[in-house]
Amino acid sequence: MNADDRGESAGEQTEHLLKILIVGDGNVGKSSFVHRYVSGQFNKTYRMTVGVDFSVKLLHWSDKEKVRLQLWDIAGTKKLPLVVPRILKS
């Protein structure tokens, strides 16, 4: 099967989407980790995440594939068991 048979032109890339949840206790560095991975920069001053923070990183996996990562930074609170199921359903 060639690219035209799949509805793609030969120059197009296939894109994959992955949703990654970053969960854990509060004040352990989840936001710092996500920010460093997405932007390549480290910020020494962070405030505790309230609810959910969302970032996207696009990876050019190969000449024919790219991967879009949705990084969900979830606040480390006692309400975590209530929040995660809602995010997983979306």
C-alpha atoms as a PDB file:
ATOM      1  CA  MET A   1       0.000   0.000   0.000  1.00  0.00           C
ATOM      2  CA  ASN A   2       1.486   3.344  -0.964  1.00  0.00           C
ATOM      3  CA  ALA A   3       0.901   6.804   0.553  1.00  0.00           C
ATOM      4  CA  ASP A   4      -1.816   7.665  -1.978  1.00  0.00           C
ATOM      5  CA  ASP A   5      -3.780   4.519  -0.995  1.00  0.00           C
ATOM      6  CA  ARG A   6      -3.893   5.767   2.626  1.00  0.00           C
ATOM      7  CA  GLY A   7      -5.160   9.208   1.633  1.00  0.00           C
ATOM      8  CA  GLU A   8      -1.775  10.845   2.193  1.00  0.00           C
ATOM      9  CA  SER A   9       0.453  12.586  -0.267  1.00  0.00           C
ATOM     10  CA  ALA A  10       4.031  11.338  -0.409  1.00  0.00           C
ATOM     11  CA  GLY A  11       5.344  14.471   1.403  1.00  0.00           C
ATOM     12  CA  GLU A  12       2.940  14.416   4.359  1.00  0.00           C
ATOM     13  CA  GLN A  13       3.874  13.210   7.805  1.00  0.00           C
ATOM     14  CA  THR A  14       1.741  10.956   9.946  1.00  0.00           C
ATOM     15  CA  GLU A  15       1.024  12.562  13.308  1.00  0.00           C
ATOM     16  CA  HIS A  16       0.532  10.612  16.520  1.00  0.00           C
ATOM     17  CA  LEU A  17      -0.974  12.131  19.664  1.00  0.00           C
ATOM     18  CA  LEU A  18       0.011  10.956  23.141  1.00  0.00           C
ATOM     19  CA  LYS A  19      -1.516  12.245  26.370  1.00  0.00           C
ATOM     20  CA  ILE A  20       0.884  11.997  29.303  1.00  0.00           C
ATOM     21  CA  LEU A  21      -0.299  12.665  32.854  1.00  0.00           C
ATOM     22  CA  ILE A  22       2.331  13.889  35.302  1.00  0.00           C
ATOM     23  CA  VAL A  23       1.037  13.102  38.790  1.00  0.00           C
ATOM     24  CA  GLY A  24       2.539  12.945  42.254  1.00  0.00           C
ATOM     25  CA  ASP A  25       2.754  14.656  45.605  1.00  0.00           C
ATOM     26  CA  GLY A  26       2.785  18.450  45.799  1.00  0.00           C
ATOM     27  CA  ASN A  27       6.023  20.450  45.698  1.00  0.00           C
ATOM     28  CA  VAL A  28       8.181  17.664  44.247  1.00  0.00           C
ATOM     29  CA  GLY A  29       9.055  19.288  40.892  1.00  0.00           C
ATOM     30  CA  LYS A  30       6.435  18.066  38.404  1.00  0.00           C
ATOM     31  CA  SER A  31       5.955  21.550  36.906  1.00  0.00           C
ATOM     32  CA  SER A  32       9.715  22.152  36.791  1.00  0.00           C
ATOM     33  CA  PHE A  33      10.212  18.852  34.983  1.00  0.00           C
ATOM     34  CA  VAL A  34       7.515  19.589  32.378  1.00  0.00           C
ATOM     35  CA  HIS A  35       8.708  23.159  31.782  1.00  0.00           C
ATOM     36  CA  ARG A  36      12.321  22.015  31.409  1.00  0.00           C
ATOM     37  CA  TYR A  37      11.348  19.267  28.949  1.00  0.00           C
ATOM     38  CA  VAL A  38       9.086  21.480  26.818  1.00  0.00           C
ATOM     39  CA  SER A  39      11.110  24.722  26.755  1.00  0.00           C
ATOM     40  CA  GLY A  40      14.618  23.532  27.591  1.00  0.00           C
ATOM     41  CA  GLN A  41      14.784  26.101  30.392  1.00  0.00           C
ATOM     42  CA  PHE A  42      14.744  25.763  34.160  1.00  0.00           C
ATOM     43  CA  ASN A  43      12.917  28.275  36.327  1.00  0.00           C
ATOM     44  CA  LYS A  44      13.855  28.327  40.027  1.00  0.00           C
ATOM     45  CA  THR A  45      10.641  30.046  41.094  1.00  0.00           C
ATOM     46  CA  TYR A  46       7.404  28.140  40.705  1.00  0.00           C
ATOM     47  CA  ARG A  47       4.097  28.401  42.437  1.00  0.00           C
ATOM     48  CA  MET A  48       2.201  25.274  43.292  1.00  0.00           C
ATOM     49  CA  THR A  49      -0.069  24.178  40.435  1.00  0.00           C
ATOM     50  CA  VAL A  50      -3.780  24.706  41.049  1.00  0.00           C
ATOM     51  CA  GLY A  51      -5.852  22.130  39.170  1.00  0.00           C
ATOM     52  CA  VAL A  52      -4.183  21.162  35.894  1.00  0.00           C
ATOM     53  CA  ASP A  53      -1.549  22.808  33.706  1.00  0.00           C
ATOM     54  CA  PHE A  54      -1.262  21.759  30.075  1.00  0.00           C
ATOM     55  CA  SER A  55       1.760  21.821  27.727  1.00  0.00           C
ATOM     56  CA  VAL A  56       2.449  20.485  24.234  1.00  0.00           C
ATOM     57  CA  LYS A  57       5.727  19.263  22.762  1.00  0.00           C
ATOM     58  CA  LEU A  58       6.058  18.302  19.098  1.00  0.00           C
ATOM     59  CA  LEU A  59       8.651  15.663  18.269  1.00  0.00           C
ATOM     60  CA  HIS A  60       9.780  15.023  14.695  1.00  0.00           C
ATOM     61  CA  TRP A  61      10.135  11.278  15.106  1.00  0.00           C
ATOM     62  CA  SER A  62      11.261  10.542  11.557  1.00  0.00           C
ATOM     63  CA  ASP A  63      10.903  11.905   8.034  1.00  0.00           C
ATOM     64  CA  LYS A  64       7.435  10.362   7.882  1.00  0.00           C
ATOM     65  CA  GLU A  65       6.201  10.628  11.477  1.00  0.00           C
ATOM     66  CA  LYS A  66       5.795  13.254  14.131  1.00  0.00           C
ATOM     67  CA  VAL A  67       4.537  12.836  17.678  1.00  0.00           C
ATOM     68  CA  ARG A  68       2.555  15.471  19.547  1.00  0.00           C
ATOM     69  CA  LEU A  69       2.843  15.044  23.313  1.00  0.00           C
ATOM     70  CA  GLN A  70       0.148  16.534  25.528  1.00  0.00           C
ATOM     71  CA  LEU A  71       1.695  16.869  28.977  1.00  0.00           C
ATOM     72  CA  TRP A  72      -0.884  17.266  31.736  1.00  0.00           C
ATOM     73  CA  ASP A  73       0.713  18.557  34.937  1.00  0.00           C
ATOM     74  CA  ILE A  74      -1.773  17.652  37.653  1.00  0.00           C
ATOM     75  CA  ALA A  75      -1.635  19.379  41.031  1.00  0.00           C
ATOM     76  CA  GLY A  76      -0.511  17.141  43.871  1.00  0.00           C
ATOM     77  CA  THR A  77      -3.526  17.516  46.119  1.00  0.00           C
ATOM     78  CA  LYS A  78      -5.857  15.300  48.083  1.00  0.00           C
ATOM     79  CA  LYS A  79      -8.450  15.903  45.326  1.00  0.00           C
ATOM     80  CA  LEU A  80      -6.277  14.050  42.800  1.00  0.00           C
ATOM     81  CA  PRO A  81      -8.467  10.896  42.750  1.00  0.00           C
ATOM     82  CA  LEU A  82     -11.418  13.117  41.747  1.00  0.00           C
ATOM     83  CA  VAL A  83      -9.609  14.955  38.947  1.00  0.00           C
ATOM     84  CA  VAL A  84      -7.738  12.154  37.131  1.00  0.00           C
ATOM     85  CA  PRO A  85     -10.804  10.137  35.983  1.00  0.00           C
ATOM     86  CA  ARG A  86     -12.274  13.257  34.329  1.00  0.00           C
ATOM     87  CA  ILE A  87      -9.045  13.914  32.449  1.00  0.00           C
ATOM     88  CA  LEU A  88      -8.724  10.300  31.344  1.00  0.00           C
ATOM     89  CA  LYS A  89     -12.225  10.404  29.827  1.00  0.00           C
ATOM     90  CA  SER A  90     -11.390  13.410  27.611  1.00  0.00           C
END
